[in-house]
Amino acid sequence: MPRVLLIEDDPAVREGVELGLRRRGHEVRTAATGEAGLAALDEFRPDLLLLDLMLPGVNGVQVCRRVRESSQLPIIMLTARGDDFDVVVGLEAGADDYIVKPARTEVIEARIRAVLRRIDEPGNGRPAVEFHGELAIDRTGLTVTKSGQHLALAPSELRLLLHLSAAPEQVFSRQQLLEHVWEHSYHGDARLVDACVRRLRNKIEEEPGSPRYIQTLRGFGYRFGPL
């Protein structure tokens, strides 16, 4: 079972989530502050980080940014307010998903599994490595290179790129992408998609403001080029 690091300052929430995940077989390490959580990362080496957004001192957004400086560890942010502006900031900082508190253990478990789930191996005779201009997408090794240089993509960014590039020129609505990439089946938050697209463009596009690979069709959604 995945090893989970939980950074949460509320003792009741921290203990409840820890107990629920341990009952489901996870090894869990907890921290009450951003500083303590960052210190625990190297020692514990988790498979996923559950990160409270509103931490005292070094807050969740700052923790997320620091993690993304050197790691593509899957990150799910915890927030008490689903419409908070900080949610957008957290997603832009590199979080893969977020959960509004309070949340049942089965909901948290489902999100963990969705973020960590590996992409199915390519079928229908598709080559393991596909070339799109300067991009090389290895669907078996789950790696992406640009002009021969490896790109460090967060799990949600990789899943999004693999899904879009599997059907070039097909337009996907935000809701379709939420269902297939994030596995949010009903009225998911489109901010997840938009923030992930912006982060992905910053990594794969020469000019993110004039994207070649991931194009927006206003009122419809996104499609994969390249132009």
Protein backbone atom coordinates (compact mmCIF):
# COMPACT_ATOMS: atom_id res chain seq x y z
CA MET A 1 0.00 0.00 0.00
CA PRO A 2 1.23 3.53 -0.71
CA ARG A 3 3.16 5.31 2.03
CA VAL A 4 1.44 8.60 2.88
CA LEU A 5 2.87 11.69 4.53
CA LEU A 6 0.10 13.81 6.06
CA ILE A 7 0.86 17.44 6.95
CA GLU A 8 -2.11 18.81 8.89
CA ASP A 9 -2.16 21.22 11.84
CA ASP A 10 -5.64 20.32 13.17
CA PRO A 11 -5.11 17.45 15.66
CA ALA A 12 -8.61 16.02 15.22
CA VAL A 13 -8.35 15.95 11.42
CA ARG A 14 -4.79 14.65 11.54
CA GLU A 15 -5.60 11.80 13.88
CA GLY A 16 -8.83 10.90 12.08
CA VAL A 17 -7.23 10.75 8.63
CA GLU A 18 -4.21 8.86 9.96
CA LEU A 19 -6.37 6.26 11.70
CA GLY A 20 -8.61 5.80 8.66
CA LEU A 21 -5.69 5.30 6.27
CA ARG A 22 -3.86 2.96 8.65
CA ARG A 23 -6.99 0.81 8.89
CA ARG A 24 -6.87 0.51 5.10
CA GLY A 25 -3.29 -0.71 5.20
CA HIS A 26 -1.32 2.47 4.51
CA GLU A 27 1.88 3.33 6.31
CA VAL A 28 1.33 6.91 7.47
CA ARG A 29 3.66 9.56 8.87
CA THR A 30 2.17 12.81 10.16
CA ALA A 31 3.46 16.33 10.78
CA ALA A 32 1.69 19.33 12.30
CA THR A 33 3.67 22.06 10.51
CA GLY A 34 5.10 22.71 7.10
CA GLU A 35 8.62 22.79 8.50
CA ALA A 36 8.23 19.40 10.18
CA GLY A 37 6.65 17.93 7.06
CA LEU A 38 9.50 19.08 4.83
CA ALA A 39 11.99 17.58 7.29
CA ALA A 40 10.11 14.25 7.18
CA LEU A 41 10.11 13.97 3.39
CA ASP A 42 13.64 12.66 2.94
CA GLU A 43 13.52 10.40 5.98
CA PHE A 44 10.12 8.82 5.32
CA ARG A 45 10.21 8.86 1.47
CA PRO A 46 6.41 8.72 0.98
CA ASP A 47 4.59 7.68 -2.17
CA LEU A 48 2.13 10.56 -1.79
CA LEU A 49 1.78 13.78 0.19
CA LEU A 50 -1.53 14.83 1.78
CA LEU A 51 -1.02 18.54 2.44
CA ASP A 52 -3.22 20.94 4.41
CA LEU A 53 -3.52 24.24 2.58
CA MET A 54 -3.84 26.54 5.60
CA LEU A 55 -0.81 25.68 7.72
CA PRO A 56 0.72 28.16 10.16
CA GLY A 57 4.21 29.43 9.34
CA VAL A 58 5.27 27.73 6.12
CA ASN A 59 1.85 27.20 4.54
CA GLY A 60 0.71 24.47 2.21
CA VAL A 61 1.33 26.45 -0.96
CA GLN A 62 4.90 27.17 0.11
CA VAL A 63 5.45 23.51 0.99
CA CYS A 64 4.09 22.49 -2.42
CA ARG A 65 6.44 24.87 -4.22
CA ARG A 66 9.45 23.63 -2.27
CA VAL A 67 8.61 20.01 -3.02
CA ARG A 68 8.21 20.76 -6.73
CA GLU A 69 11.66 22.34 -6.85
CA SER A 70 13.22 18.88 -6.63
CA SER A 71 10.49 16.24 -6.76
CA GLN A 72 7.42 15.13 -8.71
CA LEU A 73 5.92 13.46 -5.65
CA PRO A 74 2.12 13.21 -6.03
CA ILE A 75 0.45 15.90 -3.91
CA ILE A 76 -3.18 16.14 -2.81
CA MET A 77 -4.06 19.35 -1.02
CA LEU A 78 -6.58 19.50 1.82
CA THR A 79 -8.70 22.62 2.17
CA ALA A 80 -11.68 23.67 4.26
CA ARG A 81 -13.06 25.84 1.46
CA GLY A 82 -13.49 24.53 -2.06
CA ASP A 83 -13.94 27.96 -3.62
CA ASP A 84 -10.99 29.59 -1.86
CA PHE A 85 -8.61 31.57 -4.06
CA ASP A 86 -5.78 29.69 -2.37
CA VAL A 87 -6.98 26.49 -4.04
CA VAL A 88 -6.06 27.95 -7.42
CA VAL A 89 -2.70 29.09 -6.07
CA GLY A 90 -2.11 25.59 -4.70
CA LEU A 91 -2.91 23.98 -8.04
CA GLU A 92 -0.64 26.41 -9.83
CA ALA A 93 2.10 25.54 -7.34
CA GLY A 94 1.96 21.94 -8.52
CA ALA A 95 -0.70 20.05 -6.57
CA ASP A 96 -2.26 17.15 -8.48
CA ASP A 97 -5.67 17.29 -6.82
CA TYR A 98 -7.45 18.67 -3.78
CA ILE A 99 -10.04 17.50 -1.26
CA VAL A 100 -12.45 19.69 0.70
CA LYS A 101 -12.52 18.94 4.44
CA PRO A 102 -14.15 17.23 6.16
CA ALA A 103 -13.86 14.18 3.92
CA ARG A 104 -14.61 10.51 4.55
CA THR A 105 -11.72 8.08 4.50
CA GLU A 106 -13.14 6.28 1.47
CA VAL A 107 -13.12 9.57 -0.48
CA ILE A 108 -9.49 10.24 0.46
CA GLU A 109 -8.56 6.65 -0.41
CA ALA A 110 -10.26 6.92 -3.81
CA ARG A 111 -8.39 10.14 -4.63
CA ILE A 112 -5.09 8.60 -3.55
CA ARG A 113 -5.67 5.61 -5.82
CA ALA A 114 -6.70 7.85 -8.71
CA VAL A 115 -3.58 10.00 -8.44
CA LEU A 116 -1.26 7.00 -8.14
CA ARG A 117 -2.91 4.76 -10.69
CA ARG A 118 -0.56 3.90 -13.52
CA ILE A 119 -1.58 4.61 -17.10
CA ASP A 120 -2.69 1.54 -19.03
CA GLU A 121 -0.13 0.27 -21.49
CA PRO A 122 -0.82 1.37 -25.07
CA GLY A 123 -3.06 -0.80 -27.19
CA ASN A 124 -4.49 -0.96 -30.69
CA GLY A 125 -1.01 -1.25 -32.21
CA ARG A 126 0.14 2.15 -30.93
CA PRO A 127 3.96 2.47 -30.73
CA ALA A 128 5.44 2.58 -27.24
CA VAL A 129 7.28 5.81 -28.12
CA GLU A 130 5.53 8.50 -30.13
CA PHE A 131 7.18 11.54 -31.65
CA HIS A 132 5.36 14.83 -31.95
CA GLY A 133 7.73 17.49 -33.20
CA GLU A 134 10.38 17.90 -30.50
CA LEU A 135 8.36 15.83 -28.02
CA ALA A 136 8.96 12.12 -27.52
CA ILE A 137 6.31 10.38 -25.40
CA ASP A 138 7.17 6.93 -24.06
CA ARG A 139 3.87 5.32 -23.10
CA THR A 140 5.50 2.23 -21.61
CA GLY A 141 8.25 3.92 -19.63
CA LEU A 142 5.96 6.85 -18.81
CA THR A 143 8.60 9.42 -19.72
CA VAL A 144 8.55 12.53 -21.88
CA THR A 145 11.50 14.25 -23.50
CA LYS A 146 11.76 17.51 -25.40
CA SER A 147 14.63 17.85 -27.85
CA GLY A 148 16.28 14.95 -26.05
CA GLN A 149 15.93 16.51 -22.58
CA HIS A 150 13.89 14.69 -19.95
CA LEU A 151 10.86 16.62 -18.67
CA ALA A 152 9.92 16.26 -15.01
CA LEU A 153 6.13 16.03 -15.12
CA ALA A 154 3.89 15.74 -12.07
CA PRO A 155 1.50 12.75 -12.18
CA SER A 156 -1.51 14.81 -13.25
CA GLU A 157 0.54 16.56 -15.95
CA LEU A 158 1.74 13.23 -17.36
CA ARG A 159 -1.73 11.68 -17.27
CA LEU A 160 -3.18 14.73 -19.03
CA LEU A 161 -0.53 14.70 -21.77
CA LEU A 162 -0.91 10.96 -22.33
CA HIS A 163 -4.67 11.26 -22.60
CA LEU A 164 -4.68 14.23 -24.98
CA SER A 165 -1.89 12.90 -27.19
CA ALA A 166 -3.59 9.51 -27.55
CA ALA A 167 -6.23 11.17 -29.73
CA PRO A 168 -4.59 14.03 -31.68
CA GLU A 169 -7.00 16.68 -32.93
CA GLN A 170 -9.86 15.33 -30.80
CA VAL A 171 -11.43 17.98 -28.59
CA PHE A 172 -12.01 17.05 -24.95
CA SER A 173 -14.24 19.06 -22.68
CA ARG A 174 -13.04 19.90 -19.18
CA GLN A 175 -15.60 17.49 -17.73
CA GLN A 176 -14.35 14.68 -19.96
CA LEU A 177 -10.78 15.34 -18.84
CA LEU A 178 -11.84 15.41 -15.19
CA GLU A 179 -13.48 12.01 -15.64
CA HIS A 180 -10.61 10.37 -17.52
CA VAL A 181 -7.54 12.00 -15.98
CA TRP A 182 -8.65 12.79 -12.43
CA GLU A 183 -11.49 10.25 -12.25
CA HIS A 184 -13.92 12.86 -10.91
CA SER A 185 -17.15 11.46 -12.22
CA TYR A 186 -19.63 14.22 -11.50
CA HIS A 187 -19.36 18.02 -11.53
CA GLY A 188 -15.63 18.11 -10.90
CA ASP A 189 -13.73 21.35 -10.53
CA ALA A 190 -12.59 22.66 -13.93
CA ARG A 191 -9.84 24.61 -12.17
CA LEU A 192 -7.94 21.32 -11.86
CA VAL A 193 -7.84 21.05 -15.64
CA ASP A 194 -7.00 24.67 -16.38
CA ALA A 195 -4.21 24.84 -13.80
CA CYS A 196 -2.70 21.57 -15.02
CA VAL A 197 -2.83 22.75 -18.65
CA ARG A 198 -0.98 25.95 -17.71
CA ARG A 199 1.72 24.02 -15.84
CA LEU A 200 2.09 21.52 -18.68
CA ARG A 201 2.34 24.25 -21.30
CA ASN A 202 5.12 25.91 -19.31
CA LYS A 203 7.11 22.67 -19.61
CA ILE A 204 6.44 21.48 -23.16
CA GLU A 205 5.78 24.65 -25.15
CA GLU A 206 8.40 27.02 -26.53
CA GLU A 207 5.91 29.86 -26.12
CA PRO A 208 3.25 28.92 -23.53
CA GLY A 209 1.20 31.99 -24.49
CA SER A 210 1.03 30.74 -28.09
CA PRO A 211 0.82 26.98 -27.58
CA ARG A 212 1.68 24.58 -30.34
CA TYR A 213 0.81 21.29 -28.67
CA ILE A 214 -2.12 21.90 -26.32
CA GLN A 215 -4.65 24.17 -27.95
CA THR A 216 -7.72 25.78 -26.42
CA LEU A 217 -11.03 25.81 -28.25
CA ARG A 218 -13.02 28.41 -26.38
CA GLY A 219 -16.36 27.10 -25.23
CA PHE A 220 -15.40 23.50 -25.99
CA GLY A 221 -12.17 22.43 -24.27
CA TYR A 222 -8.68 21.33 -25.24
CA ARG A 223 -7.04 19.30 -27.97
CA PHE A 224 -3.54 18.07 -28.74
CA GLY A 225 -1.78 19.37 -31.89
CA PRO A 226 0.92 19.79 -32.81
CA LEU A 227 0.29 22.62 -35.25
